[in-house]
Amino acid sequence: MTRLFLKIFIIFILSLPVQSCRKTVVINSKQAVLFQVEYVNGAENRRHYGFFVDNQGKILAYDNPADWAFPDKQLMINSLQLNSDLSKCRDTGLKVPEEELLNHARVIKNISASKVTAMKRSSPGSGSMKYICYQFNEGTGIYKGSLIKMEGDSTCENLNFYSKRVALWLRGIFEKIDKN
C-alpha cells in the first residue's frame, strides 16, 4: 500500500506545472528613466543629442538642450537634475511595449554588476555615443548609471552577457527616432 501511495504521489508531483525560476520584474514607478543613449561632440559645431527610455516605455528625445545636467564621472545624477533634463525632452510618440521593456529592465542589475573593458582611442574628433542603464536609490534620490557601451572617440563595452543585446536594442530605437 505504501509503495502504491508513493508512486501515485511521485506521478502527481511530476504532473504539476513547472514554475519558472525567472524573477518577476516590477519597474519602480518612482524611477523616471531606465535607459539613455547620448551623443556628445565637443568639436567646433558642438552637438549633443540622445534619448531616454522612461519607466513606461516612452522614448523622450533631446537635441542640443540648454543648461543640461550631465551625470558625473561615476555616471551619477540626482533626481532634481534628471527631472530638469527630462523637462527639456520631447515625446517622440514611440513607446516600447511593456513585455519588451520588462525583458530589458530585468538585466539592469546584471549589467551594473559587471566590469567594463578598458577604453581604447578609436576615432578622435568623431564625438562619443554612450549607452547607459540606470538604477534608482529612493533613499538618496540618486540615479546610478552603468555604461553598457561607448563608441566614437573612444570605445569600451560592458562585459556582461546581456550588454550586447541591450546595446543593439537601444541602437534600434535610436534609428527609429532618426527616421521619425
N, C-alpha and C. Protein backbone atom coordinates (compact mmCIF):
# COMPACT_ATOMS: atom_id res chain seq x y z
N MET A 1 0.82 -1.19 0.00
CA MET A 1 0.00 0.00 0.00
C MET A 1 0.87 1.26 0.00
N THR A 2 1.96 1.24 0.80
CA THR A 2 2.84 2.39 0.88
C THR A 2 3.53 2.64 -0.46
N ARG A 3 3.92 1.57 -1.14
CA ARG A 3 4.59 1.74 -2.44
C ARG A 3 3.64 2.35 -3.47
N LEU A 4 2.40 1.88 -3.48
CA LEU A 4 1.41 2.41 -4.40
C LEU A 4 1.18 3.90 -4.12
N PHE A 5 1.04 4.26 -2.87
CA PHE A 5 0.87 5.66 -2.48
C PHE A 5 2.06 6.50 -2.93
N LEU A 6 3.27 5.98 -2.73
CA LEU A 6 4.48 6.69 -3.13
C LEU A 6 4.52 6.91 -4.64
N LYS A 7 4.15 5.89 -5.42
CA LYS A 7 4.14 6.02 -6.88
C LYS A 7 3.11 7.07 -7.32
N ILE A 8 1.93 7.02 -6.73
CA ILE A 8 0.90 7.99 -7.08
C ILE A 8 1.35 9.40 -6.71
N PHE A 9 1.97 9.53 -5.54
CA PHE A 9 2.46 10.84 -5.10
C PHE A 9 3.52 11.38 -6.06
N ILE A 10 4.45 10.54 -6.48
CA ILE A 10 5.51 10.96 -7.41
C ILE A 10 4.90 11.36 -8.75
N ILE A 11 3.97 10.58 -9.25
CA ILE A 11 3.32 10.92 -10.52
C ILE A 11 2.58 12.25 -10.39
N PHE A 12 1.90 12.45 -9.27
CA PHE A 12 1.19 13.70 -9.03
C PHE A 12 2.14 14.89 -9.03
N ILE A 13 3.24 14.77 -8.31
CA ILE A 13 4.23 15.86 -8.22
C ILE A 13 4.81 16.16 -9.60
N LEU A 14 5.14 15.13 -10.36
CA LEU A 14 5.72 15.33 -11.68
C LEU A 14 4.72 15.92 -12.67
N SER A 15 3.45 15.74 -12.43
CA SER A 15 2.45 16.27 -13.35
C SER A 15 2.08 17.73 -13.07
N LEU A 16 2.51 18.24 -11.93
CA LEU A 16 2.24 19.65 -11.62
C LEU A 16 2.98 20.55 -12.60
N PRO A 17 2.37 21.68 -12.98
CA PRO A 17 3.09 22.58 -13.88
C PRO A 17 4.36 23.09 -13.21
N VAL A 18 5.39 23.13 -14.01
CA VAL A 18 6.69 23.60 -13.51
C VAL A 18 6.66 25.12 -13.46
N GLN A 19 6.98 25.67 -12.30
CA GLN A 19 7.03 27.12 -12.14
C GLN A 19 8.35 27.64 -12.66
N SER A 20 8.30 28.75 -13.31
CA SER A 20 9.52 29.36 -13.84
C SER A 20 10.38 29.89 -12.71
N CYS A 21 11.68 29.77 -12.88
CA CYS A 21 12.62 30.31 -11.90
C CYS A 21 12.88 31.78 -12.16
N ARG A 22 12.34 32.30 -13.22
CA ARG A 22 12.56 33.68 -13.61
C ARG A 22 11.91 34.62 -12.60
N LYS A 23 12.67 35.61 -12.18
CA LYS A 23 12.13 36.59 -11.24
C LYS A 23 11.18 37.53 -11.96
N THR A 24 10.12 37.89 -11.28
CA THR A 24 9.19 38.86 -11.83
C THR A 24 9.82 40.24 -11.67
N VAL A 25 9.84 40.99 -12.75
CA VAL A 25 10.42 42.32 -12.70
C VAL A 25 9.29 43.33 -12.58
N VAL A 26 9.40 44.17 -11.60
CA VAL A 26 8.45 45.25 -11.42
C VAL A 26 9.26 46.53 -11.52
N ILE A 27 8.84 47.39 -12.41
CA ILE A 27 9.55 48.66 -12.59
C ILE A 27 9.05 49.65 -11.56
N ASN A 28 9.97 50.21 -10.82
CA ASN A 28 9.66 51.19 -9.78
C ASN A 28 9.08 52.44 -10.44
N SER A 29 7.85 52.79 -10.08
CA SER A 29 7.22 53.97 -10.68
C SER A 29 7.92 55.26 -10.30
N LYS A 30 8.72 55.22 -9.22
CA LYS A 30 9.46 56.42 -8.81
C LYS A 30 10.75 56.60 -9.60
N GLN A 31 11.16 55.57 -10.34
CA GLN A 31 12.35 55.67 -11.18
C GLN A 31 11.91 56.18 -12.54
N ALA A 32 12.20 57.44 -12.81
CA ALA A 32 11.72 58.09 -14.03
C ALA A 32 12.30 57.48 -15.30
N VAL A 33 13.57 57.13 -15.32
CA VAL A 33 14.19 56.59 -16.53
C VAL A 33 14.94 55.29 -16.24
N LEU A 34 15.04 54.46 -17.28
CA LEU A 34 15.75 53.20 -17.18
C LEU A 34 17.00 53.19 -18.06
N PHE A 35 16.89 53.79 -19.25
CA PHE A 35 17.99 53.76 -20.21
C PHE A 35 18.18 55.14 -20.84
N GLN A 36 19.41 55.35 -21.33
CA GLN A 36 19.72 56.59 -22.05
C GLN A 36 20.75 56.28 -23.12
N VAL A 37 20.59 56.91 -24.26
CA VAL A 37 21.62 56.91 -25.30
C VAL A 37 21.93 58.37 -25.54
N GLU A 38 23.23 58.70 -25.50
CA GLU A 38 23.63 60.11 -25.58
C GLU A 38 24.85 60.27 -26.46
N TYR A 39 24.73 61.20 -27.41
CA TYR A 39 25.86 61.54 -28.28
C TYR A 39 26.32 62.95 -27.92
N VAL A 40 27.63 63.10 -27.73
CA VAL A 40 28.22 64.41 -27.45
C VAL A 40 29.46 64.57 -28.33
N ASN A 41 29.53 65.71 -29.03
CA ASN A 41 30.72 66.05 -29.78
C ASN A 41 31.07 67.49 -29.40
N GLY A 42 32.20 67.65 -28.73
CA GLY A 42 32.61 68.96 -28.26
C GLY A 42 33.43 69.72 -29.28
N ALA A 43 33.46 69.26 -30.51
CA ALA A 43 34.23 69.94 -31.56
C ALA A 43 33.60 71.30 -31.88
N GLU A 44 34.10 71.92 -32.92
CA GLU A 44 33.67 73.26 -33.33
C GLU A 44 32.16 73.44 -33.31
N ASN A 45 31.45 72.59 -34.01
CA ASN A 45 29.99 72.66 -34.06
C ASN A 45 29.43 71.69 -33.00
N ARG A 46 29.46 72.14 -31.78
CA ARG A 46 29.06 71.30 -30.65
C ARG A 46 27.70 70.65 -30.90
N ARG A 47 27.66 69.34 -30.70
CA ARG A 47 26.42 68.58 -30.86
C ARG A 47 26.16 67.78 -29.59
N HIS A 48 24.94 67.73 -29.19
CA HIS A 48 24.53 66.94 -28.02
C HIS A 48 23.09 66.52 -28.23
N TYR A 49 22.89 65.24 -28.44
CA TYR A 49 21.52 64.74 -28.62
C TYR A 49 21.44 63.31 -28.12
N GLY A 50 20.22 62.85 -27.97
CA GLY A 50 20.01 61.48 -27.50
C GLY A 50 18.58 61.27 -27.08
N PHE A 51 18.39 60.24 -26.26
CA PHE A 51 17.05 59.93 -25.77
C PHE A 51 17.10 59.14 -24.47
N PHE A 52 15.98 59.16 -23.77
CA PHE A 52 15.76 58.36 -22.57
C PHE A 52 14.64 57.37 -22.88
N VAL A 53 14.67 56.23 -22.21
CA VAL A 53 13.53 55.32 -22.16
C VAL A 53 13.01 55.44 -20.73
N ASP A 54 11.78 55.93 -20.58
CA ASP A 54 11.26 56.14 -19.23
C ASP A 54 10.63 54.86 -18.67
N ASN A 55 10.10 54.94 -17.46
CA ASN A 55 9.58 53.77 -16.76
C ASN A 55 8.29 53.22 -17.38
N GLN A 56 7.71 53.95 -18.31
CA GLN A 56 6.50 53.48 -19.01
C GLN A 56 6.82 53.04 -20.43
N GLY A 57 8.09 53.14 -20.81
CA GLY A 57 8.49 52.74 -22.15
C GLY A 57 8.46 53.87 -23.17
N LYS A 58 8.11 55.08 -22.74
CA LYS A 58 8.09 56.21 -23.67
C LYS A 58 9.52 56.61 -24.03
N ILE A 59 9.70 57.00 -25.29
CA ILE A 59 11.00 57.45 -25.78
C ILE A 59 10.98 58.97 -25.80
N LEU A 60 11.85 59.57 -24.97
CA LEU A 60 11.93 61.02 -24.82
C LEU A 60 13.27 61.49 -25.37
N ALA A 61 13.22 62.29 -26.44
CA ALA A 61 14.44 62.71 -27.15
C ALA A 61 14.81 64.16 -26.83
N TYR A 62 16.08 64.45 -27.03
CA TYR A 62 16.58 65.82 -26.86
C TYR A 62 17.63 66.10 -27.93
N ASP A 63 17.77 67.40 -28.26
CA ASP A 63 18.72 67.82 -29.28
C ASP A 63 19.28 69.19 -28.91
N ASN A 64 20.53 69.23 -28.52
CA ASN A 64 21.22 70.45 -28.10
C ASN A 64 20.46 71.26 -27.04
N PRO A 65 20.04 70.62 -25.96
CA PRO A 65 19.31 71.37 -24.93
C PRO A 65 20.23 72.31 -24.16
N ALA A 66 19.69 73.43 -23.74
CA ALA A 66 20.45 74.40 -22.94
C ALA A 66 20.46 73.95 -21.47
N ASP A 67 21.51 74.30 -20.76
CA ASP A 67 21.62 74.04 -19.32
C ASP A 67 21.38 72.58 -18.95
N TRP A 68 22.02 71.70 -19.66
CA TRP A 68 21.85 70.26 -19.43
C TRP A 68 22.70 69.82 -18.24
N ALA A 69 22.14 68.98 -17.39
CA ALA A 69 22.87 68.44 -16.23
C ALA A 69 23.41 67.06 -16.60
N PHE A 70 24.68 66.98 -16.86
CA PHE A 70 25.31 65.70 -17.20
C PHE A 70 25.61 64.91 -15.93
N PRO A 71 25.52 63.58 -15.99
CA PRO A 71 25.95 62.76 -14.85
C PRO A 71 27.44 63.00 -14.58
N ASP A 72 27.87 62.74 -13.34
CA ASP A 72 29.29 62.91 -13.02
C ASP A 72 30.11 61.75 -13.61
N LYS A 73 31.40 61.70 -13.29
CA LYS A 73 32.29 60.67 -13.88
C LYS A 73 31.88 59.25 -13.51
N GLN A 74 31.17 59.09 -12.38
CA GLN A 74 30.67 57.77 -11.97
C GLN A 74 29.27 57.52 -12.54
N LEU A 75 28.84 58.39 -13.44
CA LEU A 75 27.52 58.33 -14.09
C LEU A 75 26.37 58.47 -13.08
N MET A 76 26.60 59.25 -12.04
CA MET A 76 25.56 59.50 -11.05
C MET A 76 24.95 60.88 -11.29
N ILE A 77 23.63 60.95 -11.09
CA ILE A 77 22.91 62.21 -11.25
C ILE A 77 21.73 62.18 -10.27
N ASN A 78 21.46 63.33 -9.65
CA ASN A 78 20.34 63.32 -8.70
C ASN A 78 19.01 63.53 -9.43
N SER A 79 17.93 63.19 -8.76
CA SER A 79 16.61 63.22 -9.38
C SER A 79 16.19 64.63 -9.80
N LEU A 80 16.60 65.66 -9.06
CA LEU A 80 16.25 67.03 -9.45
C LEU A 80 16.90 67.40 -10.78
N GLN A 81 18.19 67.05 -10.93
CA GLN A 81 18.89 67.33 -12.18
C GLN A 81 18.27 66.54 -13.33
N LEU A 82 17.99 65.27 -13.08
CA LEU A 82 17.41 64.43 -14.13
C LEU A 82 16.03 64.93 -14.53
N ASN A 83 15.22 65.33 -13.56
CA ASN A 83 13.89 65.87 -13.88
C ASN A 83 14.00 67.15 -14.70
N SER A 84 15.02 67.96 -14.40
CA SER A 84 15.25 69.17 -15.18
C SER A 84 15.60 68.79 -16.63
N ASP A 85 16.45 67.79 -16.79
CA ASP A 85 16.80 67.33 -18.14
C ASP A 85 15.57 66.79 -18.87
N LEU A 86 14.75 66.02 -18.16
CA LEU A 86 13.55 65.45 -18.79
C LEU A 86 12.58 66.53 -19.26
N SER A 87 12.56 67.65 -18.55
CA SER A 87 11.67 68.75 -18.96
C SER A 87 12.11 69.38 -20.28
N LYS A 88 13.33 69.09 -20.71
CA LYS A 88 13.85 69.63 -21.97
C LYS A 88 13.73 68.62 -23.11
N CYS A 89 13.09 67.50 -22.84
CA CYS A 89 12.93 66.44 -23.85
C CYS A 89 11.57 66.56 -24.52
N ARG A 90 11.49 65.97 -25.69
CA ARG A 90 10.21 65.89 -26.40
C ARG A 90 9.79 64.43 -26.48
N ASP A 91 8.51 64.19 -26.36
CA ASP A 91 7.97 62.84 -26.50
C ASP A 91 7.97 62.52 -27.99
N THR A 92 8.66 61.47 -28.39
CA THR A 92 8.77 61.12 -29.80
C THR A 92 7.52 60.44 -30.33
N GLY A 93 6.64 60.03 -29.44
CA GLY A 93 5.47 59.27 -29.86
C GLY A 93 5.76 57.78 -29.96
N LEU A 94 7.03 57.41 -29.80
CA LEU A 94 7.42 55.99 -29.82
C LEU A 94 7.32 55.44 -28.41
N LYS A 95 6.91 54.19 -28.31
CA LYS A 95 6.80 53.56 -27.00
C LYS A 95 7.22 52.10 -27.11
N VAL A 96 8.04 51.68 -26.15
CA VAL A 96 8.48 50.29 -26.07
C VAL A 96 7.35 49.48 -25.46
N PRO A 97 6.96 48.37 -26.08
CA PRO A 97 5.92 47.52 -25.48
C PRO A 97 6.34 47.04 -24.09
N GLU A 98 5.36 46.88 -23.20
CA GLU A 98 5.63 46.56 -21.80
C GLU A 98 6.49 45.31 -21.63
N GLU A 99 6.17 44.25 -22.32
CA GLU A 99 6.92 42.99 -22.20
C GLU A 99 8.39 43.19 -22.62
N GLU A 100 8.59 43.92 -23.69
CA GLU A 100 9.95 44.21 -24.18
C GLU A 100 10.72 45.05 -23.16
N LEU A 101 10.05 46.05 -22.61
CA LEU A 101 10.69 46.91 -21.59
C LEU A 101 11.08 46.08 -20.37
N LEU A 102 10.18 45.22 -19.90
CA LEU A 102 10.47 44.37 -18.75
C LEU A 102 11.63 43.43 -19.02
N ASN A 103 11.69 42.87 -20.23
CA ASN A 103 12.79 41.96 -20.59
C ASN A 103 14.15 42.66 -20.51
N HIS A 104 14.19 43.92 -20.90
CA HIS A 104 15.47 44.64 -20.86
C HIS A 104 15.74 45.21 -19.46
N ALA A 105 14.69 45.62 -18.77
CA ALA A 105 14.86 46.18 -17.42
C ALA A 105 15.36 45.11 -16.45
N ARG A 106 14.99 43.87 -16.64
CA ARG A 106 15.38 42.81 -15.71
C ARG A 106 16.88 42.53 -15.71
N VAL A 107 17.60 42.98 -16.73
CA VAL A 107 19.04 42.71 -16.78
C VAL A 107 19.89 43.90 -16.32
N ILE A 108 19.25 44.99 -15.92
CA ILE A 108 20.00 46.17 -15.48
C ILE A 108 20.93 45.84 -14.31
N LYS A 109 20.43 45.09 -13.33
CA LYS A 109 21.28 44.73 -12.18
C LYS A 109 22.49 43.91 -12.62
N ASN A 110 22.29 43.00 -13.55
CA ASN A 110 23.40 42.18 -14.05
C ASN A 110 24.44 43.05 -14.74
N ILE A 111 23.98 43.96 -15.58
CA ILE A 111 24.91 44.84 -16.30
C ILE A 111 25.66 45.72 -15.31
N SER A 112 24.93 46.27 -14.31
CA SER A 112 25.60 47.16 -13.35
C SER A 112 26.64 46.44 -12.51
N ALA A 113 26.49 45.16 -12.33
CA ALA A 113 27.44 44.39 -11.51
C ALA A 113 28.67 43.94 -12.31
N SER A 114 28.68 44.20 -13.61
CA SER A 114 29.77 43.72 -14.46
C SER A 114 30.82 44.79 -14.73
N LYS A 115 31.98 44.31 -15.12
CA LYS A 115 33.09 45.22 -15.46
C LYS A 115 32.97 45.71 -16.89
N VAL A 116 33.67 46.81 -17.14
CA VAL A 116 33.70 47.42 -18.47
C VAL A 116 35.13 47.31 -18.98
N THR A 117 35.29 47.04 -20.27
CA THR A 117 36.63 46.93 -20.85
C THR A 117 37.36 48.26 -20.74
N ALA A 118 38.67 48.20 -20.87
CA ALA A 118 39.48 49.42 -20.87
C ALA A 118 39.12 50.26 -22.09
N MET A 119 39.18 51.57 -21.92
CA MET A 119 38.87 52.47 -23.02
C MET A 119 40.00 52.46 -24.05
N LYS A 120 39.61 52.41 -25.33
CA LYS A 120 40.58 52.45 -26.42
C LYS A 120 40.26 53.64 -27.31
N ARG A 121 41.28 54.41 -27.66
CA ARG A 121 41.08 55.51 -28.61
C ARG A 121 40.78 54.90 -29.96
N SER A 122 39.75 55.44 -30.63
CA SER A 122 39.40 54.84 -31.91
C SER A 122 39.25 55.86 -33.03
N SER A 123 38.38 56.83 -32.89
CA SER A 123 38.13 57.82 -33.95
C SER A 123 38.13 59.22 -33.37
N PRO A 124 39.29 59.78 -33.06
CA PRO A 124 39.34 61.12 -32.47
C PRO A 124 38.57 62.14 -33.30
N GLY A 125 37.81 62.99 -32.61
CA GLY A 125 37.05 64.04 -33.29
C GLY A 125 35.66 63.61 -33.73
N SER A 126 35.32 62.34 -33.55
CA SER A 126 34.01 61.86 -34.02
C SER A 126 32.92 62.00 -32.97
N GLY A 127 33.29 62.40 -31.78
CA GLY A 127 32.30 62.51 -30.71
C GLY A 127 32.18 61.19 -29.97
N SER A 128 31.25 61.13 -29.06
CA SER A 128 31.11 59.96 -28.22
C SER A 128 29.64 59.59 -28.04
N MET A 129 29.30 58.34 -28.31
CA MET A 129 27.95 57.81 -28.13
C MET A 129 27.99 56.85 -26.95
N LYS A 130 27.19 57.16 -25.90
CA LYS A 130 27.15 56.31 -24.71
C LYS A 130 25.78 55.66 -24.59
N TYR A 131 25.79 54.39 -24.24
CA TYR A 131 24.59 53.62 -23.94
C TYR A 131 24.64 53.34 -22.44
N ILE A 132 23.61 53.79 -21.72
CA ILE A 132 23.63 53.75 -20.26
C ILE A 132 22.32 53.14 -19.74
N CYS A 133 22.42 52.37 -18.66
CA CYS A 133 21.22 51.92 -17.93
C CYS A 133 21.32 52.50 -16.52
N TYR A 134 20.17 52.71 -15.90
CA TYR A 134 20.13 53.36 -14.59
C TYR A 134 19.46 52.50 -13.53
N GLN A 135 19.96 52.66 -12.30
CA GLN A 135 19.30 52.15 -11.11
C GLN A 135 19.04 53.36 -10.23
N PHE A 136 17.90 53.35 -9.55
CA PHE A 136 17.49 54.49 -8.74
C PHE A 136 17.46 54.12 -7.27
N ASN A 137 18.05 54.96 -6.44
CA ASN A 137 18.02 54.77 -4.99
C ASN A 137 17.01 55.77 -4.43
N GLU A 138 15.87 55.26 -4.01
CA GLU A 138 14.80 56.14 -3.49
C GLU A 138 15.25 56.91 -2.26
N GLY A 139 16.06 56.28 -1.42
CA GLY A 139 16.52 56.92 -0.17
C GLY A 139 17.35 58.16 -0.42
N THR A 140 18.23 58.10 -1.41
CA THR A 140 19.12 59.24 -1.69
C THR A 140 18.63 60.11 -2.85
N GLY A 141 17.72 59.58 -3.66
CA GLY A 141 17.27 60.32 -4.83
C GLY A 141 18.32 60.36 -5.93
N ILE A 142 19.24 59.41 -5.91
CA ILE A 142 20.35 59.37 -6.88
C ILE A 142 20.13 58.26 -7.91
N TYR A 143 20.35 58.61 -9.16
CA TYR A 143 20.38 57.63 -10.24
C TYR A 143 21.83 57.24 -10.46
N LYS A 144 22.10 55.94 -10.42
CA LYS A 144 23.45 55.43 -10.67
C LYS A 144 23.43 54.79 -12.04
N GLY A 145 24.17 55.40 -12.96
CA GLY A 145 24.24 54.88 -14.31
C GLY A 145 25.33 53.83 -14.44
N SER A 146 25.11 52.91 -15.35
CA SER A 146 26.11 51.90 -15.68
C SER A 146 26.30 51.91 -17.19
N LEU A 147 27.55 51.98 -17.59
CA LEU A 147 27.87 52.03 -19.02
C LEU A 147 27.65 50.66 -19.65
N ILE A 148 26.86 50.64 -20.69
CA ILE A 148 26.63 49.42 -21.45
C ILE A 148 27.66 49.36 -22.58
N LYS A 149 27.83 50.51 -23.24
CA LYS A 149 28.76 50.58 -24.37
C LYS A 149 29.07 52.03 -24.67
N MET A 150 30.27 52.29 -25.17
CA MET A 150 30.63 53.62 -25.66
C MET A 150 31.35 53.44 -26.98
N GLU A 151 31.00 54.28 -27.94
CA GLU A 151 31.66 54.23 -29.26
C GLU A 151 31.92 55.65 -29.73
N GLY A 152 32.87 55.79 -30.63
CA GLY A 152 33.22 57.11 -31.15
C GLY A 152 34.68 57.42 -30.91
N ASP A 153 34.96 58.58 -30.27
CA ASP A 153 36.34 58.98 -29.95
C ASP A 153 37.08 57.83 -29.28
N SER A 154 36.42 57.23 -28.32
CA SER A 154 36.96 56.09 -27.59
C SER A 154 35.89 55.01 -27.55
N THR A 155 36.33 53.77 -27.41
CA THR A 155 35.36 52.68 -27.32
C THR A 155 35.63 51.84 -26.08
N CYS A 156 34.57 51.31 -25.53
CA CYS A 156 34.63 50.33 -24.46
C CYS A 156 33.25 49.71 -24.36
N GLU A 157 33.17 48.57 -23.69
CA GLU A 157 31.87 47.93 -23.54
C GLU A 157 31.81 47.13 -22.26
N ASN A 158 30.61 46.99 -21.78
CA ASN A 158 30.34 46.20 -20.59
C ASN A 158 30.53 44.73 -20.97
N LEU A 159 31.12 43.97 -20.06
CA LEU A 159 31.42 42.56 -20.34
C LEU A 159 30.26 41.62 -20.03
N ASN A 160 29.16 42.14 -19.54
CA ASN A 160 28.03 41.30 -19.21
C ASN A 160 27.44 40.68 -20.47
N PHE A 161 26.97 39.46 -20.32
CA PHE A 161 26.36 38.70 -21.41
C PHE A 161 25.22 39.47 -22.08
N TYR A 162 24.42 40.19 -21.31
CA TYR A 162 23.25 40.88 -21.84
C TYR A 162 23.56 42.23 -22.48
N SER A 163 24.74 42.77 -22.24
CA SER A 163 25.02 44.14 -22.68
C SER A 163 24.96 44.29 -24.21
N LYS A 164 25.43 43.33 -24.96
CA LYS A 164 25.38 43.44 -26.43
C LYS A 164 23.94 43.50 -26.92
N ARG A 165 23.09 42.64 -26.33
CA ARG A 165 21.68 42.61 -26.73
C ARG A 165 21.00 43.94 -26.41
N VAL A 166 21.25 44.49 -25.22
CA VAL A 166 20.63 45.76 -24.82
C VAL A 166 21.15 46.90 -25.70
N ALA A 167 22.45 46.90 -25.99
CA ALA A 167 23.02 47.95 -26.85
C ALA A 167 22.40 47.90 -28.25
N LEU A 168 22.22 46.71 -28.80
CA LEU A 168 21.59 46.58 -30.13
C LEU A 168 20.14 47.06 -30.09
N TRP A 169 19.45 46.73 -29.03
CA TRP A 169 18.06 47.18 -28.86
C TRP A 169 18.00 48.71 -28.81
N LEU A 170 18.87 49.34 -28.01
CA LEU A 170 18.90 50.79 -27.92
C LEU A 170 19.30 51.43 -29.25
N ARG A 171 20.22 50.79 -29.97
CA ARG A 171 20.62 51.28 -31.29
C ARG A 171 19.43 51.28 -32.24
N GLY A 172 18.61 50.23 -32.15
CA GLY A 172 17.40 50.14 -32.98
C GLY A 172 16.43 51.27 -32.68
N ILE A 173 16.28 51.60 -31.42
CA ILE A 173 15.41 52.72 -31.03
C ILE A 173 15.97 54.02 -31.59
N PHE A 174 17.29 54.19 -31.47
CA PHE A 174 17.94 55.39 -31.99
C PHE A 174 17.67 55.55 -33.48
N GLU A 175 17.74 54.45 -34.23
CA GLU A 175 17.49 54.51 -35.68
C GLU A 175 16.04 54.85 -35.97
N LYS A 176 15.10 54.37 -35.16
CA LYS A 176 13.68 54.71 -35.35
C LYS A 176 13.44 56.20 -35.13
N ILE A 177 14.11 56.77 -34.10
CA ILE A 177 13.97 58.19 -33.82
C ILE A 177 14.53 59.00 -34.98
N ASP A 178 15.67 58.56 -35.49
CA ASP A 178 16.34 59.24 -36.60
C ASP A 178 15.43 59.30 -37.83
N LYS A 179 14.62 58.27 -38.05
CA LYS A 179 13.71 58.24 -39.20
C LYS A 179 12.44 59.03 -38.94
N ASN A 180 12.15 59.28 -37.67
CA ASN A 180 10.92 59.99 -37.28
C ASN A 180 10.97 61.45 -37.60
